[in-house]
Protein backbone atom coordinates (compact mmCIF):
# COMPACT_ATOMS: atom_id res chain seq x y z
CA MET A 1 -5.27 23.08 0.41
CA LYS A 2 -4.50 21.85 3.66
CA TYR A 3 -2.54 25.34 4.26
CA LEU A 4 -5.56 27.28 3.41
CA LEU A 5 -7.60 25.20 5.58
CA PHE A 6 -5.18 25.82 8.20
CA VAL A 7 -4.88 29.69 7.40
CA PHE A 8 -8.93 29.53 7.98
CA ILE A 9 -8.78 27.70 11.00
CA ALA A 10 -6.31 29.88 12.45
CA THR A 11 -8.24 33.09 11.19
CA LEU A 12 -11.31 31.62 13.11
CA ASN A 13 -9.57 31.62 16.44
CA LEU A 14 -7.86 35.05 16.02
CA LEU A 15 -11.60 36.14 15.66
CA ALA A 16 -12.84 34.29 18.48
CA LEU A 17 -14.01 36.40 21.57
CA ASP A 18 -13.71 35.58 25.21
CA PHE A 19 -16.05 37.35 27.70
CA LYS A 20 -17.24 37.55 30.93
CA VAL A 21 -20.68 37.32 32.33
CA ALA A 22 -21.54 38.58 36.18
CA SER A 23 -24.18 38.92 38.41
CA TYR A 24 -24.39 41.54 41.35
CA ASN A 25 -27.50 42.13 43.90
CA VAL A 26 -26.27 45.76 44.56
CA GLU A 27 -28.63 45.70 47.52
CA ASN A 28 -31.71 48.05 47.15
CA PHE A 29 -30.79 50.81 44.46
CA PHE A 30 -33.84 53.69 44.54
CA ASP A 31 -34.35 56.56 42.51
CA LEU A 32 -35.48 60.07 44.24
CA HIS A 33 -38.94 59.60 42.72
CA TYR A 34 -41.73 58.76 44.88
CA ASP A 35 -43.70 55.57 43.28
CA LYS A 36 -45.78 54.50 46.40
CA THR A 37 -44.22 51.09 46.16
CA GLU A 38 -40.92 52.24 47.99
CA TYR A 39 -39.77 50.29 51.13
CA LYS A 40 -40.08 52.48 53.97
CA GLU A 41 -36.26 52.90 54.44
CA TYR A 42 -36.07 54.39 50.64
CA ILE A 43 -38.92 56.70 50.58
CA PRO A 44 -36.93 59.43 48.72
CA HIS A 45 -35.90 62.95 50.60
CA SER A 46 -36.38 61.46 53.83
CA LYS A 47 -33.46 60.88 56.68
CA SER A 48 -32.36 57.63 55.59
CA TRP A 49 -32.62 58.34 51.70
CA ASN A 50 -31.81 61.51 50.17
CA THR A 51 -29.67 63.05 47.54
CA LEU A 52 -26.41 62.56 49.41
CA SER A 53 -27.34 58.72 49.89
CA TYR A 54 -28.73 58.33 46.25
CA ASN A 55 -25.41 60.18 45.10
CA ASN A 56 -22.85 57.91 46.95
CA LYS A 57 -24.48 54.70 46.50
CA LEU A 58 -24.51 55.44 42.68
CA ILE A 59 -20.99 56.26 42.96
CA ASN A 60 -19.99 52.93 44.75
CA ILE A 61 -21.87 50.93 42.14
CA THR A 62 -20.24 52.41 39.50
CA LYS A 63 -16.95 51.72 41.03
CA VAL A 64 -18.11 47.95 41.51
CA ILE A 65 -19.18 47.85 37.88
CA GLN A 66 -16.19 49.26 36.22
CA ASN A 67 -13.61 47.32 38.72
CA LEU A 68 -15.11 44.11 37.59
CA ASN A 69 -14.72 44.89 33.68
CA VAL A 70 -16.87 42.29 32.44
CA GLU A 71 -19.08 42.45 28.93
CA ILE A 72 -22.57 41.76 30.33
CA ILE A 73 -23.91 42.14 34.29
CA ALA A 74 -26.88 41.35 35.60
CA LEU A 75 -28.21 43.77 38.59
CA GLN A 76 -30.54 42.71 41.06
CA GLU A 77 -32.30 45.33 43.53
CA ILE A 78 -32.82 48.29 41.34
CA GLU A 79 -35.99 50.14 41.84
CA SER A 80 -36.76 51.54 38.46
CA GLN A 81 -35.72 52.26 34.90
CA ARG A 82 -35.07 55.49 36.06
CA ALA A 83 -32.50 54.09 38.24
CA LEU A 84 -30.93 51.93 35.86
CA ASP A 85 -30.50 54.92 33.53
CA ALA A 86 -28.50 56.51 35.90
CA ILE A 87 -26.04 53.78 36.33
CA VAL A 88 -25.75 53.26 32.43
CA LYS A 89 -25.14 56.95 32.42
CA LYS A 90 -22.29 56.23 34.39
CA ASN A 91 -21.38 53.29 32.38
CA PRO A 92 -21.52 54.20 29.14
CA SER A 93 -19.54 51.32 27.55
CA TYR A 94 -22.93 49.79 28.15
CA GLN A 95 -24.53 50.60 25.31
CA TYR A 96 -27.35 47.85 25.80
CA SER A 97 -29.66 47.30 28.62
CA GLN A 98 -32.80 46.05 29.76
CA PHE A 99 -35.12 46.46 32.94
CA LEU A 100 -38.24 44.21 34.33
CA LYS A 101 -40.46 45.20 37.51
CA ASN A 102 -43.66 43.80 38.51
CA LYS A 103 -46.18 46.77 38.81
CA ASN A 104 -46.62 46.70 42.44
CA SER A 105 -42.90 45.56 43.59
CA ALA A 106 -40.46 47.56 45.18
CA ILE A 107 -37.58 46.33 42.80
CA GLY A 108 -36.72 44.94 39.88
CA VAL A 109 -33.68 43.22 37.95
CA ALA A 110 -31.74 44.53 34.86
CA LEU A 111 -29.14 43.72 32.47
CA LEU A 112 -26.48 45.66 31.09
CA SER A 113 -24.42 44.45 28.50
CA LYS A 114 -21.71 45.63 25.71
CA PHE A 115 -22.91 43.25 22.98
CA PRO A 116 -27.03 43.56 21.30
CA ILE A 117 -29.72 42.43 22.79
CA VAL A 118 -31.98 41.22 20.27
CA SER A 119 -34.92 40.34 22.22
CA MET A 120 -36.34 40.14 25.72
CA GLN A 121 -39.15 38.49 27.32
CA ASN A 122 -40.76 38.14 30.79
CA ILE A 123 -41.65 35.07 32.74
CA MET A 124 -44.46 35.41 34.82
CA ILE A 125 -44.53 33.90 38.17
CA ASP A 126 -47.87 34.65 40.17
CA LYS A 127 -50.04 37.20 38.88
CA TYR A 128 -51.90 36.79 42.14
CA ASP A 129 -48.68 37.42 44.60
CA LYS A 130 -47.79 40.95 45.03
CA PHE A 131 -44.55 39.88 46.02
CA SER A 132 -43.75 37.80 42.71
CA ARG A 133 -40.49 38.97 40.75
CA ASP A 134 -40.87 37.93 36.99
CA ILE A 135 -37.92 36.54 35.55
CA LEU A 136 -36.03 38.60 32.60
CA LYS A 137 -35.37 36.51 29.42
CA VAL A 138 -32.96 38.01 27.27
CA THR A 139 -30.91 36.92 24.19
CA VAL A 140 -27.65 38.54 23.33
CA ASN A 141 -25.86 38.52 20.23
CA ILE A 142 -22.23 37.80 20.29
CA GLN A 143 -20.21 37.53 16.73
CA ASN A 144 -23.60 36.28 15.39
CA LYS A 145 -23.77 33.65 18.21
CA LYS A 146 -26.99 34.08 20.54
CA LEU A 147 -27.04 33.13 24.55
CA LEU A 148 -30.04 33.51 26.25
CA ILE A 149 -29.82 34.70 29.75
CA TYR A 150 -32.15 34.23 32.50
CA ILE A 151 -31.92 37.29 35.08
CA ASN A 152 -33.43 35.99 38.43
CA HIS A 153 -34.40 37.16 42.18
CA TRP A 154 -36.63 34.84 44.00
CA ARG A 155 -38.57 35.14 47.10
CA SER A 156 -35.97 35.73 50.37
CA LYS A 157 -35.79 33.46 52.83
CA ARG A 158 -38.78 35.10 54.76
CA ALA A 159 -40.79 32.64 53.06
CA ALA A 160 -40.70 29.27 52.79
CA GLU A 161 -38.95 26.95 50.06
CA SER A 162 -42.43 26.73 48.28
CA GLN A 163 -42.27 30.00 47.00
CA ARG A 164 -38.86 29.78 45.31
CA ILE A 165 -39.93 26.58 43.79
CA LYS A 166 -42.95 28.53 42.04
CA TYR A 167 -39.75 30.09 40.39
CA ALA A 168 -37.83 27.25 39.66
CA LEU A 169 -41.09 25.67 38.06
CA ALA A 170 -41.64 28.58 35.59
CA LEU A 171 -37.99 28.57 34.75
CA GLN A 172 -37.53 24.75 33.84
CA LYS A 173 -41.04 24.99 32.12
CA ASP A 174 -39.38 27.69 29.73
CA VAL A 175 -35.81 25.76 29.12
CA GLU A 176 -37.63 22.61 28.29
CA LYS A 177 -39.06 24.18 25.41
CA LEU A 178 -35.49 25.09 24.01
CA ASN A 179 -33.49 23.13 21.38
CA ASP A 180 -30.53 21.14 22.88
CA THR A 181 -28.19 23.54 21.16
CA ILE A 182 -29.37 26.81 22.48
CA ASP A 183 -26.99 28.11 24.82
CA TYR A 184 -28.40 29.80 27.98
CA ILE A 185 -26.90 30.72 31.63
CA ILE A 186 -29.51 30.92 34.54
CA LEU A 187 -27.81 33.31 37.02
CA GLY A 188 -29.04 36.11 39.49
CA ASP A 189 -30.00 36.42 43.52
CA LEU A 190 -31.93 32.89 43.75
CA ASN A 191 -31.86 33.10 47.87
CA SER A 192 -30.87 29.28 47.02
CA ASN A 193 -27.91 27.63 48.06
CA TYR A 194 -25.57 25.98 45.98
CA ASN A 195 -26.71 22.98 47.84
CA GLU A 196 -29.92 24.22 49.46
CA TYR A 197 -31.27 20.67 49.83
CA GLN A 198 -28.70 20.01 52.79
CA THR A 199 -28.92 23.39 54.30
CA PHE A 200 -32.34 23.62 54.41
CA LYS A 201 -33.88 20.39 54.89
CA TYR A 202 -33.37 20.80 58.92
CA ASP A 203 -35.17 23.92 58.88
CA LYS A 204 -38.83 23.71 60.13
CA ARG A 205 -39.67 26.91 59.13
CA LEU A 206 -38.10 26.65 55.59
CA ASN A 207 -38.92 23.31 54.47
CA ASP A 208 -42.70 23.17 53.75
CA SER A 209 -42.05 21.07 50.83
CA PHE A 210 -40.78 17.44 51.81
CA ASN A 211 -37.04 18.00 51.47
CA ILE A 212 -37.74 19.30 47.63
CA THR A 213 -35.83 22.64 46.50
CA GLY A 214 -36.35 24.59 43.68
CA ILE A 215 -32.60 25.03 42.87
CA ASN A 216 -31.65 21.39 43.50
CA GLN A 217 -34.52 19.09 42.23
CA ILE A 218 -36.40 21.36 40.01
CA LEU A 219 -33.47 22.67 38.18
CA ASN A 220 -31.57 19.43 38.21
CA THR A 221 -28.70 20.55 39.45
CA THR A 222 -28.50 17.40 41.61
CA ILE A 223 -30.15 14.27 40.50
CA ASN A 224 -30.93 11.63 43.43
CA GLU A 225 -29.21 14.17 45.94
CA ASN A 226 -26.16 13.95 43.64
CA PHE A 227 -24.48 16.89 42.11
CA VAL A 228 -24.94 17.36 38.37
CA HIS A 229 -20.76 17.81 37.28
CA LYS A 230 -19.43 18.66 34.17
CA LYS A 231 -18.26 15.57 33.09
CA THR A 232 -21.56 13.73 33.83
CA LEU A 233 -24.00 17.00 32.22
CA PHE A 234 -24.30 14.73 28.95
CA SER A 235 -25.26 11.34 31.06
CA PHE A 236 -28.92 12.56 31.28
CA ASN A 237 -31.43 12.73 28.63
CA LYS A 238 -33.39 15.70 30.46
CA LYS A 239 -32.28 19.30 31.04
CA VAL A 240 -29.74 19.05 33.75
CA HIS A 241 -27.63 22.10 35.00
CA PHE A 242 -24.24 22.59 36.66
CA ASN A 243 -23.81 24.97 39.08
CA THR A 244 -20.45 27.28 38.84
CA TRP A 245 -19.97 27.18 42.94
CA LEU A 246 -18.64 23.56 42.80
CA GLU A 247 -15.48 24.59 41.11
CA LEU A 248 -14.52 26.59 44.22
CA LYS A 249 -13.19 25.20 47.31
CA LYS A 250 -15.91 24.95 49.80
CA GLU A 251 -14.11 28.05 52.20
CA LYS A 252 -14.36 30.12 49.19
CA ARG A 253 -18.27 29.32 48.58
CA PHE A 254 -19.88 32.33 49.34
CA SER A 255 -21.33 35.55 48.17
CA SER A 256 -23.55 36.86 51.40
CA ILE A 257 -23.01 36.52 55.19
CA PHE A 258 -25.72 36.38 57.58
CA LYS A 259 -25.07 36.09 61.43
CA LYS A 260 -21.94 34.51 60.36
CA GLN A 261 -23.05 32.03 58.12
CA HIS A 262 -21.91 31.55 54.95
CA ASN A 263 -24.35 31.66 51.81
CA THR A 264 -24.67 30.84 48.25
CA PRO A 265 -27.67 32.97 46.93
CA ASP A 266 -26.37 34.12 44.13
CA ASN A 267 -25.79 31.65 41.25
CA ILE A 268 -24.27 31.27 37.75
CA ILE A 269 -26.04 28.17 36.59
CA LEU A 270 -24.82 26.66 32.98
CA SER A 271 -26.91 24.63 30.28
CA LYS A 272 -25.41 21.64 28.66
CA SER A 273 -24.94 22.95 25.89
CA LEU A 274 -22.38 25.53 26.87
CA PHE A 275 -20.03 22.60 26.88
CA ASP A 276 -20.64 20.93 23.46
CA THR A 277 -18.61 21.96 20.31
CA GLN A 278 -21.15 24.54 18.96
CA GLY A 279 -21.94 28.03 19.60
CA ILE A 280 -20.84 29.36 22.84
CA SER A 281 -18.75 27.82 25.28
CA TYR A 282 -18.06 27.91 29.15
CA ILE A 283 -14.27 28.57 29.73
CA GLU A 284 -13.53 25.93 32.76
CA ASN A 285 -12.96 26.93 36.23
CA SER A 286 -13.63 30.53 35.57
CA PHE A 287 -15.88 31.16 38.07
CA ARG A 288 -15.17 33.62 40.89
CA VAL A 289 -16.44 35.80 43.38
CA PHE A 290 -15.11 39.37 43.23
CA THR A 291 -13.56 40.68 46.75
CA PRO A 292 -11.70 43.59 46.42
CA ASN A 293 -10.58 44.91 49.76
CA TYR A 294 -13.47 47.47 49.78
CA LEU A 295 -16.26 45.37 49.04
CA TYR A 296 -14.52 42.50 51.52
CA LYS A 297 -12.58 43.30 54.63
CA ASN A 298 -11.56 41.31 57.63
CA LYS A 299 -13.90 38.53 56.59
CA ARG A 300 -16.95 41.11 56.64
CA ILE A 301 -18.90 42.13 53.41
CA GLN A 302 -19.02 46.39 53.12
CA ARG A 303 -22.67 46.36 53.12
CA TRP A 304 -24.53 49.91 52.43
CA ASN A 305 -24.94 51.73 55.69
CA ARG A 306 -28.19 53.94 55.45
CA VAL A 307 -26.99 55.77 58.24
CA LYS A 308 -23.43 56.61 57.20
CA LYS A 309 -24.43 56.39 53.83
CA THR A 310 -21.34 54.30 52.84
CA GLY A 311 -20.70 50.89 52.03
CA PHE A 312 -21.73 48.85 49.06
CA SER A 313 -24.01 45.75 49.51
CA ASP A 314 -24.77 42.48 51.66
CA HIS A 315 -23.74 40.49 48.63
CA LEU A 316 -20.59 39.94 46.67
CA PRO A 317 -20.54 40.32 42.65
CA ILE A 318 -19.84 36.88 41.22
CA TYR A 319 -18.72 36.11 37.65
CA ALA A 320 -17.67 33.46 34.73
CA SER A 321 -16.05 33.57 31.36
CA PHE A 322 -17.27 32.07 28.47
CA SER A 323 -15.77 31.91 24.90
CA THR A 324 -17.17 32.00 21.21
CA ARG A 325 -13.69 29.64 20.65
CA LYS A 326 -14.61 25.87 21.14
CA GLN A 327 -13.25 24.90 23.92
CA ASN A 328 -11.12 21.38 24.73
CA TYR A 329 -12.89 19.36 27.77
CA ASN A 330 -11.34 16.51 29.23
CA PHE A 331 -13.44 16.00 32.03
CA ASN A 332 -12.74 12.14 32.30
CA THR A 333 -9.01 12.60 32.51
CA ASN A 334 -8.19 10.72 36.10
CA SER A 335 -5.47 12.30 38.32
CA THR A 336 -2.71 10.08 39.41
CA THR A 337 -0.80 12.34 41.43
CA SER A 338 0.70 11.17 44.70
CA SER A 339 -1.65 13.71 46.53
CA LYS A 340 -4.83 12.50 45.21
CA THR A 341 -3.80 8.57 45.43
CA LEU A 342 -2.86 9.67 49.44
CA LYS A 343 -6.68 10.67 49.70
CA ARG A 344 -8.15 7.57 48.64
CA ASN A 345 -9.92 5.59 51.70
CA THR A 346 -9.03 8.61 53.85
CA ILE A 347 -11.46 10.54 55.96
CA SER A 348 -9.55 13.91 54.07
CA GLY A 349 -10.90 12.29 50.88
CA LEU A 350 -14.15 11.52 52.06
CA TYR A 351 -14.54 15.56 53.18
CA GLU A 352 -13.69 16.36 49.43
CA LYS A 353 -16.31 14.64 48.02
CA GLU A 354 -19.60 16.03 47.06
CA ASN A 355 -21.24 12.72 46.13
CA ILE A 356 -20.32 9.34 47.25
CA THR A 357 -20.88 5.80 46.03
CA ASN A 358 -19.50 2.85 47.99
CA TYR A 359 -16.47 5.11 49.71
CA THR A 360 -14.39 2.76 51.87
CA LEU A 361 -12.70 3.95 55.02
CA LYS A 362 -9.73 2.23 55.80
CA ASN A 363 -8.18 1.64 59.18
CA ILE A 364 -10.22 4.05 61.26
CA ILE A 365 -10.12 4.11 64.90
CA VAL A 366 -13.15 5.11 67.08
CA ILE A 367 -11.87 7.48 69.29
CA TYR A 368 -15.41 8.89 70.99
CA LYS A 369 -18.98 7.66 71.44
CA SER A 370 -21.85 9.06 73.00
CA LYS A 371 -25.76 8.18 72.94
CA ASP A 372 -26.38 9.46 69.28
CA ILE A 373 -22.71 9.57 67.87
CA SER A 374 -19.61 7.62 67.26
CA ILE A 375 -16.17 10.18 66.15
CA ILE A 376 -13.92 8.36 63.95
CA ARG A 377 -10.19 9.18 62.92
CA GLN A 378 -6.96 7.86 61.35
CA VAL A 379 -3.62 7.93 62.79
CA ASP A 380 -1.96 9.27 59.42
CA ASP A 381 -4.85 11.50 58.46
CA GLN A 382 -5.56 14.97 59.78
CA LYS A 383 -9.39 14.95 59.99
CA ALA A 384 -11.90 13.66 62.03
CA ILE A 385 -15.45 12.98 61.33
CA MET A 386 -18.88 12.13 63.00
CA ILE A 387 -20.91 9.40 62.60
CA TYR A 388 -24.62 10.19 63.38
CA LYS A 389 -26.81 7.36 65.07
CA PRO A 390 -23.96 4.72 64.55
CA SER A 391 -24.08 0.88 64.93
CA PRO A 392 -23.67 -0.72 68.35
CA LYS A 393 -20.56 -2.78 66.57
CA LEU A 394 -18.60 -0.19 66.55
CA GLN A 395 -16.76 -0.30 69.73
CA LEU A 396 -14.30 2.27 71.38
CA GLY A 397 -10.53 1.89 70.73
CA TYR A 398 -10.94 -0.57 68.21
CA ILE A 399 -9.99 -0.65 64.29
CA TYR A 400 -12.44 -0.86 61.62
CA ASP A 401 -12.72 -0.76 57.66
CA LEU A 402 -15.93 1.02 56.86
CA GLN A 403 -18.14 1.03 53.62
CA VAL A 404 -19.65 4.62 53.82
CA ASP A 405 -22.99 4.85 51.55
CA LYS A 406 -24.28 8.14 52.56
CA ILE A 407 -22.79 11.33 54.12
CA ASP A 408 -24.68 14.37 54.95
CA THR A 409 -24.29 18.45 56.29
CA TYR A 410 -26.29 19.11 59.24
CA PHE A 411 -25.78 23.22 59.19
CA GLY A 412 -22.12 23.12 57.96
CA LEU A 413 -21.20 19.86 59.92
CA LYS A 414 -20.17 16.90 57.53
CA GLU A 415 -21.29 13.54 59.07
CA ILE A 416 -21.71 9.98 58.19
CA THR A 417 -25.11 8.81 58.30
CA GLN A 418 -25.06 5.94 56.84
CA LEU A 419 -22.59 2.70 56.56
CA SER A 420 -23.04 -0.72 54.76
CA SER A 421 -20.34 -2.77 55.73
CA ILE A 422 -18.45 -2.76 59.22
CA VAL A 423 -15.38 -4.83 59.56
CA LYS A 424 -13.83 -5.23 62.50
CA LYS A 425 -9.84 -5.71 62.94
CA GLU A 426 -8.11 -5.31 66.03
CA LYS A 427 -7.61 -2.99 68.92
CA TYR A 428 -5.92 -0.05 68.88
CA THR A 429 -2.25 -0.60 70.29
CA GLN A 430 -2.06 3.01 72.11
CA PRO A 431 -4.34 4.73 74.06
CA TYR A 432 -7.06 5.94 71.57
CA THR A 433 -7.26 9.44 73.39
CA ASN A 434 -3.56 10.18 71.79
CA LEU A 435 -5.78 11.11 69.16
CA TYR A 436 -7.53 13.90 70.66
CA LEU A 437 -6.27 17.56 70.17
CA ASP A 438 -4.93 19.96 72.97
CA GLY A 439 -7.32 22.65 72.44
CA ASN A 440 -4.54 24.96 73.86
CA THR A 441 -2.43 24.09 71.11
CA ILE A 442 -4.35 24.66 67.62
CA ASN A 443 -6.86 27.58 66.60
CA LEU A 444 -10.27 26.45 67.62
CA GLU A 445 -11.75 28.77 64.94
CA ASP A 446 -9.95 26.77 62.30
CA TYR A 447 -12.54 24.73 60.39
CA GLN A 448 -10.16 22.53 59.57
CA TYR A 449 -10.49 20.82 62.95
CA SER A 450 -14.24 20.66 62.73
CA ASN A 451 -15.25 17.15 64.24
CA HIS A 452 -12.29 16.64 66.40
CA ILE A 453 -12.37 15.92 70.32
CA ILE A 454 -10.40 18.41 72.06
CA TYR A 455 -9.11 18.50 75.64
CA ASN A 456 -7.16 20.16 78.26
CA LEU A 457 -9.55 23.37 77.45
CA LYS A 458 -9.55 25.31 80.74
CA GLY A 459 -11.80 28.50 81.17
CA VAL A 460 -14.58 30.03 82.99
CA TYR A 461 -18.45 29.06 81.43
CA SER A 462 -20.69 31.84 81.71
CA ARG A 463 -23.92 32.16 79.64
CA ASN A 464 -23.18 29.61 77.23
CA TYR A 465 -19.77 30.63 76.63
CA LEU A 466 -16.33 29.20 77.83
CA TYR A 467 -13.88 32.09 78.88
CA PHE A 468 -10.10 31.15 78.35
CA ASP A 469 -6.81 33.17 77.30
CA ASN A 470 -8.97 36.46 76.47
CA LYS A 471 -10.94 34.21 73.83
CA LYS A 472 -14.59 32.69 73.96
CA ILE A 473 -16.09 29.80 72.45
CA ARG A 474 -19.58 28.79 72.31
CA LEU A 475 -20.71 25.46 74.72
CA TYR A 476 -23.50 23.75 73.34
CA PHE A 477 -24.97 21.17 75.87
CA LYS A 478 -26.64 17.90 74.72
CA ASN A 479 -30.36 17.42 76.32
CA GLY A 480 -29.93 15.97 79.29
CA ILE A 481 -26.78 17.12 80.36
CA LYS A 482 -26.40 19.77 83.45
CA LYS A 483 -24.82 22.85 82.68
CA PRO A 484 -22.25 23.82 85.04
CA GLU A 485 -23.05 26.78 87.56
CA GLU A 486 -22.69 30.62 86.05
CA LYS A 487 -18.97 31.65 86.54
CA SER A 488 -17.98 28.06 87.05
CA LYS A 489 -14.18 27.15 86.38
CA ILE A 490 -14.22 24.05 84.67
CA THR A 491 -11.80 21.92 82.20
CA LEU A 492 -13.14 20.21 78.79
CA SER A 493 -11.52 16.57 78.58
CA SER A 494 -13.03 15.28 75.74
CA GLY A 495 -15.34 18.45 73.75
CA HIS A 496 -16.51 17.55 70.20
CA LEU A 497 -15.37 20.37 67.82
CA SER A 498 -18.55 21.34 65.89
CA ILE A 499 -20.05 24.00 63.49
CA TYR A 500 -23.49 25.42 63.53
CA LYS A 501 -24.37 27.85 60.62
CA SER A 502 -21.11 28.69 60.13
CA SER A 503 -19.93 28.93 63.54
CA ILE A 504 -17.41 27.23 65.68
CA GLN A 505 -18.95 25.80 68.52
CA ILE A 506 -17.71 22.79 71.25
CA VAL A 507 -20.73 20.53 72.01
CA VAL A 508 -20.54 18.76 75.45
CA HIS A 509 -22.37 15.27 74.43
CA LYS A 510 -21.44 13.68 78.12
CA THR A 511 -21.47 14.60 81.34
CA ASP A 512 -17.89 13.57 81.76
CA ASP A 513 -16.67 15.40 78.95
CA PHE A 514 -15.83 18.22 81.48
CA ILE A 515 -14.92 18.53 84.75
CA LYS A 516 -15.22 21.62 87.63
CA ASP A 517 -12.13 22.76 88.93
């Protein structure tokens, strides 16, 4: 009997299927039929959109789809069923497809599948808003197991966050109706970063919602400003979701670049049911951004060029893997590797944290102070971090143990915003300036040096930039600091290497941070 059971289980494993699901915003694929809803740049048979444009764009979309080689792919910014049919014709392995567009919209969303589509419906967002785009809800049959997919294209950031919250509310209302065992994926262009609650809150144009975001607080990818992780999914009684961006290293988290800022508008968000023992399961750590050289080269996304009629999209495709085979998750395993141990109580370890609770920093040294910030370092750690609005108890050149209660990211720059304990130890025996970095010996464009204090950087100041050694870097002077005269030669003696919207800059906090040569 045991032998027969073994054979049965082995047979089930052989029949189990692994498959991939992708999402790709193709950036405005229009057909050549005039519908009067087109964007002006895509009116058929015009200089910017004609037969050559259409054919080149179709060829390039097909190249991406075929190279991705996934079983299911969601597409955004498809103009019509006619445009989708052209894509399907070029990609006949996708036997099943579905398209959705509001009557007055210029573009819609679609799904291509190698598995049968057994049902679809649209989730209405706002029937009175001509800019709204309904959500396409599709159920796919995979080896007699059902997978529900929500294909999204939320309002762009030309609109404030309240407009995207409409999408999240409609979506969350629908998933609340689902049985807890139903496997579903939320994906598409949500025009929201995975950590939108951090990235948008200082932007007065976007933040009209009292720091509430659709992707985080409404879809419950965060709870109390802490990300929902795989190991915490089943700690909540309500519908919460895991965002797969959290599986990648932070420097890899982007699918679009706007004004040099890395963004994650494209998302694959998972239900907790994809981590249970039934139905379809997520294959852990399978989330990826698709970055072949023809799509992403020299740190630039090769987007569509309407003049040259070449290129692809301003978005990169994302994908993840799933299986009809039960996965063996072990999220609660505590790593005891030396590399992990070394990061305890360190600033480097703090940078690795998405969420913190009573994080202790040991033997930190205050190496810089101004009116609004302090910069701290540890002797044996390569990272520095800023404390915003620091306690007056922190004295320059002294060693402390700190209890960190809250961290934040201000336009890309990590900072400590709340401490609950400050234990003063002794004065640092060496000059604290020994922990500054020589600006001539490091790559100032390397993000690992952010929040460090640099010195010995000489150059010419002009139009908010310091020019040195055939290079330049932006200088930002805090309010009240008199800028040097145009074309002045200056030397930075204590500049704060900072980040603003993914761009490296040096912040001058005090008048004596620089010397006029």
